[in-house]
Amino acid sequence: MGSGARTYRLQIGYDDGRVATVVGHTDPHCAGHIPGAGMVVDGPNGLGVYGLLMTAFGRQHADGFEDAARDQPLACPTDPRQPDSVDRDGASASMDTGYVLGERAPMVMPLPAVRGIVCTWPFGAEGKAPKVRELGPEDAERVRIGLHAITGGMVDCGGSPEPTHTAVVEDRTGTRRAVTVVESECETVIRSDEGYGLGLAWLER
């Protein structure tokens, strides 16, 4: 299956010294494979190997942080093209563990998301109040994983009467991050870290 997402390489060491390598695309619908062995490796439905790995990594590090109070409701950005306007740093924002395209770089949101919302604006109504839908922990975590799986780049395409969505997710320490998908512009993605990409397979509209 073709994918425009980033790729991953996972190595697993065994007690007897053997090392298994799994490679694949970060798109949740793409299975991984073991080079040279002709074996396909898949993860849970809707997560894939990459999503399973990201969630496991986040849970491992989450144990080192205390829960923050969740007394403040999640809010949509006034301008969906500026998703970082609703960002908030909790204790987890201090983590500097992560890689982007093989280079060390802090992760956009290192711990698993525990809640979220999706804000939807009809085409041409981005200046008006959006429709808001709550996300459960599983869907919020899918969005959080997707923040780290978007390939770079933008394209110039003709406009279409499709809506714009912004997903806002939060982890247990109160760190919030947002991502916008402008469906009318070839599903252009605008991330909290000012990154751009095309398509967010992890967000079920």
C-alpha atoms as a PDB file:
ATOM      1  CA  MET A   1       0.000   0.000   0.000  1.00  0.00           C
ATOM      2  CA  GLY A   2       1.383   3.417  -0.905  1.00  0.00           C
ATOM      3  CA  SER A   3       1.668   6.106   1.745  1.00  0.00           C
ATOM      4  CA  GLY A   4       2.818   9.702   1.901  1.00  0.00           C
ATOM      5  CA  ALA A   5       3.510   9.416   5.619  1.00  0.00           C
ATOM      6  CA  ARG A   6       6.880   9.217   7.295  1.00  0.00           C
ATOM      7  CA  THR A   7       8.562   5.877   7.817  1.00  0.00           C
ATOM      8  CA  TYR A   8       9.845   4.143  10.941  1.00  0.00           C
ATOM      9  CA  ARG A   9      12.454   1.501  11.751  1.00  0.00           C
ATOM     10  CA  LEU A  10      11.977  -0.520  14.929  1.00  0.00           C
ATOM     11  CA  GLN A  11      14.584  -2.914  16.338  1.00  0.00           C
ATOM     12  CA  ILE A  12      13.689  -5.531  18.952  1.00  0.00           C
ATOM     13  CA  GLY A  13      16.408  -7.382  20.870  1.00  0.00           C
ATOM     14  CA  TYR A  14      15.911 -10.897  22.257  1.00  0.00           C
ATOM     15  CA  ASP A  15      17.584 -12.647  25.215  1.00  0.00           C
ATOM     16  CA  ASP A  16      19.576 -14.899  22.880  1.00  0.00           C
ATOM     17  CA  GLY A  17      21.154 -11.910  21.144  1.00  0.00           C
ATOM     18  CA  ARG A  18      19.000 -11.918  18.033  1.00  0.00           C
ATOM     19  CA  VAL A  19      17.684  -8.577  16.754  1.00  0.00           C
ATOM     20  CA  ALA A  20      14.530  -8.284  14.674  1.00  0.00           C
ATOM     21  CA  THR A  21      14.013  -5.161  12.570  1.00  0.00           C
ATOM     22  CA  VAL A  22      10.557  -3.964  11.532  1.00  0.00           C
ATOM     23  CA  VAL A  23      10.136  -1.154   9.009  1.00  0.00           C
ATOM     24  CA  GLY A  24       7.064   0.519   7.619  1.00  0.00           C
ATOM     25  CA  HIS A  25       5.054   3.694   7.102  1.00  0.00           C
ATOM     26  CA  THR A  26       3.586   5.671   9.995  1.00  0.00           C
ATOM     27  CA  ASP A  27       0.160   5.607   8.328  1.00  0.00           C
ATOM     28  CA  PRO A  28      -2.058   3.488  10.642  1.00  0.00           C
ATOM     29  CA  HIS A  29      -3.382   1.464   7.721  1.00  0.00           C
ATOM     30  CA  CYS A  30       0.055   0.340   6.505  1.00  0.00           C
ATOM     31  CA  ALA A  31       1.531  -2.885   7.869  1.00  0.00           C
ATOM     32  CA  GLY A  32       5.210  -3.165   8.710  1.00  0.00           C
ATOM     33  CA  HIS A  33       7.530  -5.831   7.384  1.00  0.00           C
ATOM     34  CA  ILE A  34      10.753  -7.617   8.311  1.00  0.00           C
ATOM     35  CA  PRO A  35      13.334  -6.979   5.554  1.00  0.00           C
ATOM     36  CA  GLY A  36      14.688 -10.120   3.956  1.00  0.00           C
ATOM     37  CA  ALA A  37      12.257 -12.420   5.763  1.00  0.00           C
ATOM     38  CA  GLY A  38       9.183 -11.604   3.706  1.00  0.00           C
ATOM     39  CA  MET A  39       7.135 -11.378   6.894  1.00  0.00           C
ATOM     40  CA  VAL A  40       4.389  -8.803   7.447  1.00  0.00           C
ATOM     41  CA  VAL A  41       3.918  -7.343  10.935  1.00  0.00           C
ATOM     42  CA  ASP A  42       0.701  -5.610  11.922  1.00  0.00           C
ATOM     43  CA  GLY A  43      -0.498  -3.925  15.084  1.00  0.00           C
ATOM     44  CA  PRO A  44      -3.918  -3.336  16.647  1.00  0.00           C
ATOM     45  CA  ASN A  45      -6.713  -2.279  14.329  1.00  0.00           C
ATOM     46  CA  GLY A  46      -6.476   1.455  13.742  1.00  0.00           C
ATOM     47  CA  LEU A  47      -3.023   1.803  15.305  1.00  0.00           C
ATOM     48  CA  GLY A  48      -0.600  -0.377  13.385  1.00  0.00           C
ATOM     49  CA  VAL A  49       2.937  -1.047  14.596  1.00  0.00           C
ATOM     50  CA  TYR A  50       3.874   2.634  14.721  1.00  0.00           C
ATOM     51  CA  GLY A  51       0.839   3.642  16.772  1.00  0.00           C
ATOM     52  CA  LEU A  52       1.334   0.775  19.203  1.00  0.00           C
ATOM     53  CA  LEU A  53       4.970   1.750  19.670  1.00  0.00           C
ATOM     54  CA  MET A  54       4.132   5.435  20.190  1.00  0.00           C
ATOM     55  CA  THR A  55       1.485   4.662  22.802  1.00  0.00           C
ATOM     56  CA  ALA A  56       3.756   2.228  24.654  1.00  0.00           C
ATOM     57  CA  PHE A  57       6.572   4.792  24.690  1.00  0.00           C
ATOM     58  CA  GLY A  58       4.258   7.479  26.019  1.00  0.00           C
ATOM     59  CA  ARG A  59       2.837   5.274  28.752  1.00  0.00           C
ATOM     60  CA  GLN A  60       6.315   4.313  29.907  1.00  0.00           C
ATOM     61  CA  HIS A  61       7.302   7.950  30.424  1.00  0.00           C
ATOM     62  CA  ALA A  62       3.895   8.988  31.790  1.00  0.00           C
ATOM     63  CA  ASP A  63       4.632   7.121  35.016  1.00  0.00           C
ATOM     64  CA  GLY A  64       7.167   9.790  35.918  1.00  0.00           C
ATOM     65  CA  PHE A  65       4.636  12.636  35.996  1.00  0.00           C
ATOM     66  CA  GLU A  66       1.803  13.656  38.310  1.00  0.00           C
ATOM     67  CA  ASP A  67      -1.683  14.290  36.987  1.00  0.00           C
ATOM     68  CA  ALA A  68      -2.669  17.914  36.512  1.00  0.00           C
ATOM     69  CA  ALA A  69      -6.118  19.251  37.336  1.00  0.00           C
ATOM     70  CA  ARG A  70      -8.512  19.133  34.384  1.00  0.00           C
ATOM     71  CA  ASP A  71     -10.707  21.992  35.524  1.00  0.00           C
ATOM     72  CA  GLN A  72     -10.192  24.061  32.381  1.00  0.00           C
ATOM     73  CA  PRO A  73     -12.254  23.076  29.319  1.00  0.00           C
ATOM     74  CA  LEU A  74     -10.543  22.496  25.991  1.00  0.00           C
ATOM     75  CA  ALA A  75     -11.092  25.384  23.594  1.00  0.00           C
ATOM     76  CA  CYS A  76     -11.102  25.794  19.824  1.00  0.00           C
ATOM     77  CA  PRO A  77      -8.738  28.341  18.280  1.00  0.00           C
ATOM     78  CA  THR A  78     -10.303  31.583  17.087  1.00  0.00           C
ATOM     79  CA  ASP A  79      -8.458  31.081  13.804  1.00  0.00           C
ATOM     80  CA  PRO A  80      -8.078  27.397  12.825  1.00  0.00           C
ATOM     81  CA  ARG A  81      -5.001  28.318  10.786  1.00  0.00           C
ATOM     82  CA  GLN A  82      -3.268  29.168  14.057  1.00  0.00           C
ATOM     83  CA  PRO A  83      -3.773  25.960  16.072  1.00  0.00           C
ATOM     84  CA  ASP A  84      -0.881  26.784  18.398  1.00  0.00           C
ATOM     85  CA  SER A  85      -2.965  29.633  19.873  1.00  0.00           C
ATOM     86  CA  VAL A  86      -4.652  27.067  22.157  1.00  0.00           C
ATOM     87  CA  ASP A  87      -1.460  25.218  23.089  1.00  0.00           C
ATOM     88  CA  ARG A  88      -0.480  24.929  26.727  1.00  0.00           C
ATOM     89  CA  ASP A  89       2.670  23.455  28.243  1.00  0.00           C
ATOM     90  CA  GLY A  90       2.345  21.066  31.151  1.00  0.00           C
ATOM     91  CA  ALA A  91       5.135  19.191  32.911  1.00  0.00           C
ATOM     92  CA  SER A  92       5.573  16.791  29.985  1.00  0.00           C
ATOM     93  CA  ALA A  93       6.690  19.668  27.730  1.00  0.00           C
ATOM     94  CA  SER A  94      10.073  19.488  29.484  1.00  0.00           C
ATOM     95  CA  MET A  95      10.866  16.149  27.812  1.00  0.00           C
ATOM     96  CA  ASP A  96      13.397  16.407  24.979  1.00  0.00           C
ATOM     97  CA  THR A  97      13.188  12.790  23.782  1.00  0.00           C
ATOM     98  CA  GLY A  98      12.364  12.333  20.128  1.00  0.00           C
ATOM     99  CA  TYR A  99      13.534  12.126  16.536  1.00  0.00           C
ATOM    100  CA  VAL A 100      12.312  13.807  13.361  1.00  0.00           C
ATOM    101  CA  LEU A 101      13.548  12.361  10.065  1.00  0.00           C
ATOM    102  CA  GLY A 102      16.473  10.707  11.844  1.00  0.00           C
ATOM    103  CA  GLU A 103      17.573  13.813  13.766  1.00  0.00           C
ATOM    104  CA  ARG A 104      17.173  14.383  17.498  1.00  0.00           C
ATOM    105  CA  ALA A 105      14.281  16.759  18.174  1.00  0.00           C
ATOM    106  CA  PRO A 106      11.695  17.151  20.960  1.00  0.00           C
ATOM    107  CA  MET A 107       8.395  15.400  20.285  1.00  0.00           C
ATOM    108  CA  VAL A 108       5.356  17.590  19.666  1.00  0.00           C
ATOM    109  CA  MET A 109       3.550  15.831  22.545  1.00  0.00           C
ATOM    110  CA  PRO A 110       5.461  12.958  24.199  1.00  0.00           C
ATOM    111  CA  LEU A 111       2.832  11.511  26.573  1.00  0.00           C
ATOM    112  CA  PRO A 112      -0.441   9.817  25.585  1.00  0.00           C
ATOM    113  CA  ALA A 113      -3.498  12.048  25.213  1.00  0.00           C
ATOM    114  CA  VAL A 114      -6.315  11.503  27.695  1.00  0.00           C
ATOM    115  CA  ARG A 115      -8.979  13.788  26.215  1.00  0.00           C
ATOM    116  CA  GLY A 116      -9.668  15.986  23.210  1.00  0.00           C
ATOM    117  CA  ILE A 117     -12.138  17.841  21.025  1.00  0.00           C
ATOM    118  CA  VAL A 118     -12.641  18.322  17.296  1.00  0.00           C
ATOM    119  CA  CYS A 119     -13.770  21.755  16.091  1.00  0.00           C
ATOM    120  CA  THR A 120     -15.399  21.865  12.640  1.00  0.00           C
ATOM    121  CA  TRP A 121     -16.030  24.925  10.492  1.00  0.00           C
ATOM    122  CA  PRO A 122     -18.131  24.666   7.297  1.00  0.00           C
ATOM    123  CA  PHE A 123     -16.428  25.863   4.130  1.00  0.00           C
ATOM    124  CA  GLY A 124     -16.138  29.653   4.110  1.00  0.00           C
ATOM    125  CA  ALA A 125     -17.164  30.011   7.764  1.00  0.00           C
ATOM    126  CA  GLU A 126     -13.813  29.868   9.544  1.00  0.00           C
ATOM    127  CA  GLY A 127     -14.553  33.179  11.244  1.00  0.00           C
ATOM    128  CA  LYS A 128     -17.719  31.877  12.894  1.00  0.00           C
ATOM    129  CA  ALA A 129     -18.305  29.589  15.868  1.00  0.00           C
ATOM    130  CA  PRO A 130     -17.404  25.964  15.060  1.00  0.00           C
ATOM    131  CA  LYS A 131     -19.284  22.794  15.839  1.00  0.00           C
ATOM    132  CA  VAL A 132     -17.507  20.972  18.684  1.00  0.00           C
ATOM    133  CA  ARG A 133     -17.329  17.218  19.230  1.00  0.00           C
ATOM    134  CA  GLU A 134     -15.648  15.579  22.226  1.00  0.00           C
ATOM    135  CA  LEU A 135     -13.043  12.871  21.738  1.00  0.00           C
ATOM    136  CA  GLY A 136     -12.623   9.910  24.044  1.00  0.00           C
ATOM    137  CA  PRO A 137      -9.137   8.888  25.209  1.00  0.00           C
ATOM    138  CA  GLU A 138      -8.608   6.415  22.337  1.00  0.00           C
ATOM    139  CA  ASP A 139      -9.482   8.898  19.587  1.00  0.00           C
ATOM    140  CA  ALA A 140      -7.517  11.668  21.313  1.00  0.00           C
ATOM    141  CA  GLU A 141      -4.489   9.373  21.433  1.00  0.00           C
ATOM    142  CA  ARG A 142      -4.848   8.634  17.727  1.00  0.00           C
ATOM    143  CA  VAL A 143      -4.653  12.369  17.026  1.00  0.00           C
ATOM    144  CA  ARG A 144      -1.616  12.709  19.313  1.00  0.00           C
ATOM    145  CA  ILE A 145       0.170   9.924  17.445  1.00  0.00           C
ATOM    146  CA  GLY A 146      -0.759  11.528  14.124  1.00  0.00           C
ATOM    147  CA  LEU A 147       0.930  14.770  15.158  1.00  0.00           C
ATOM    148  CA  HIS A 148       4.243  12.934  14.808  1.00  0.00           C
ATOM    149  CA  ALA A 149       3.465  11.113  11.561  1.00  0.00           C
ATOM    150  CA  ILE A 150       2.746  13.921   9.108  1.00  0.00           C
ATOM    151  CA  THR A 151       4.981  14.234   6.091  1.00  0.00           C
ATOM    152  CA  GLY A 152       6.178  17.732   5.214  1.00  0.00           C
ATOM    153  CA  GLY A 153       5.177  19.840   2.234  1.00  0.00           C
ATOM    154  CA  MET A 154       2.162  21.599   0.777  1.00  0.00           C
ATOM    155  CA  VAL A 155       0.520  21.635  -2.619  1.00  0.00           C
ATOM    156  CA  ASP A 156      -1.342  24.293  -4.532  1.00  0.00           C
ATOM    157  CA  CYS A 157      -4.729  22.960  -5.546  1.00  0.00           C
ATOM    158  CA  GLY A 158      -8.125  24.274  -6.465  1.00  0.00           C
ATOM    159  CA  GLY A 159     -10.476  25.028  -3.601  1.00  0.00           C
ATOM    160  CA  SER A 160     -13.412  22.749  -2.836  1.00  0.00           C
ATOM    161  CA  PRO A 161     -16.415  23.231  -0.534  1.00  0.00           C
ATOM    162  CA  GLU A 162     -15.067  21.005   2.242  1.00  0.00           C
ATOM    163  CA  PRO A 163     -14.923  21.822   5.969  1.00  0.00           C
ATOM    164  CA  THR A 164     -11.956  22.681   8.164  1.00  0.00           C
ATOM    165  CA  HIS A 165     -11.236  20.698  11.334  1.00  0.00           C
ATOM    166  CA  THR A 166      -9.036  21.420  14.332  1.00  0.00           C
ATOM    167  CA  ALA A 167      -8.339  18.690  16.880  1.00  0.00           C
ATOM    168  CA  VAL A 168      -7.160  19.774  20.333  1.00  0.00           C
ATOM    169  CA  VAL A 169      -5.755  17.077  22.635  1.00  0.00           C
ATOM    170  CA  GLU A 170      -4.358  17.078  26.166  1.00  0.00           C
ATOM    171  CA  ASP A 171      -2.199  14.693  28.210  1.00  0.00           C
ATOM    172  CA  ARG A 172      -2.342  13.898  31.936  1.00  0.00           C
ATOM    173  CA  THR A 173       0.045  16.755  32.819  1.00  0.00           C
ATOM    174  CA  GLY A 174      -2.052  19.411  31.089  1.00  0.00           C
ATOM    175  CA  THR A 175       0.078  19.734  27.951  1.00  0.00           C
ATOM    176  CA  ARG A 176      -2.191  20.624  25.029  1.00  0.00           C
ATOM    177  CA  ARG A 177      -1.479  20.518  21.327  1.00  0.00           C
ATOM    178  CA  ALA A 178      -3.644  21.140  18.274  1.00  0.00           C
ATOM    179  CA  VAL A 179      -3.667  20.241  14.598  1.00  0.00           C
ATOM    180  CA  THR A 180      -5.791  21.657  11.777  1.00  0.00           C
ATOM    181  CA  VAL A 181      -6.864  19.858   8.612  1.00  0.00           C
ATOM    182  CA  VAL A 182      -8.058  22.162   5.815  1.00  0.00           C
ATOM    183  CA  GLU A 183      -9.960  19.703   3.647  1.00  0.00           C
ATOM    184  CA  SER A 184     -10.786  22.313   1.013  1.00  0.00           C
ATOM    185  CA  GLU A 185      -7.052  22.654   0.249  1.00  0.00           C
ATOM    186  CA  CYS A 186      -6.063  19.045  -0.485  1.00  0.00           C
ATOM    187  CA  GLU A 187      -6.327  18.160   3.234  1.00  0.00           C
ATOM    188  CA  THR A 188      -3.458  20.472   4.119  1.00  0.00           C
ATOM    189  CA  VAL A 189      -2.366  19.975   7.738  1.00  0.00           C
ATOM    190  CA  ILE A 190      -1.160  22.763  10.040  1.00  0.00           C
ATOM    191  CA  ARG A 191       0.438  21.513  13.241  1.00  0.00           C
ATOM    192  CA  SER A 192       1.070  23.123  16.612  1.00  0.00           C
ATOM    193  CA  ASP A 193       4.824  23.169  15.962  1.00  0.00           C
ATOM    194  CA  GLU A 194       4.208  25.232  12.814  1.00  0.00           C
ATOM    195  CA  GLY A 195       4.795  22.178  10.685  1.00  0.00           C
ATOM    196  CA  TYR A 196       2.821  21.623   7.495  1.00  0.00           C
ATOM    197  CA  GLY A 197       1.835  18.452   5.754  1.00  0.00           C
ATOM    198  CA  LEU A 198      -0.803  16.716   3.675  1.00  0.00           C
ATOM    199  CA  GLY A 199      -3.485  14.521   5.184  1.00  0.00           C
ATOM    200  CA  LEU A 200      -3.898  13.259   8.732  1.00  0.00           C
ATOM    201  CA  ALA A 201      -4.909   9.616   8.467  1.00  0.00           C
ATOM    202  CA  TRP A 202      -5.158   9.405  12.245  1.00  0.00           C
ATOM    203  CA  LEU A 203      -8.114  11.818  12.573  1.00  0.00           C
ATOM    204  CA  GLU A 204     -11.513  10.287  11.956  1.00  0.00           C
ATOM    205  CA  ARG A 205     -13.547  13.249  10.836  1.00  0.00           C
END
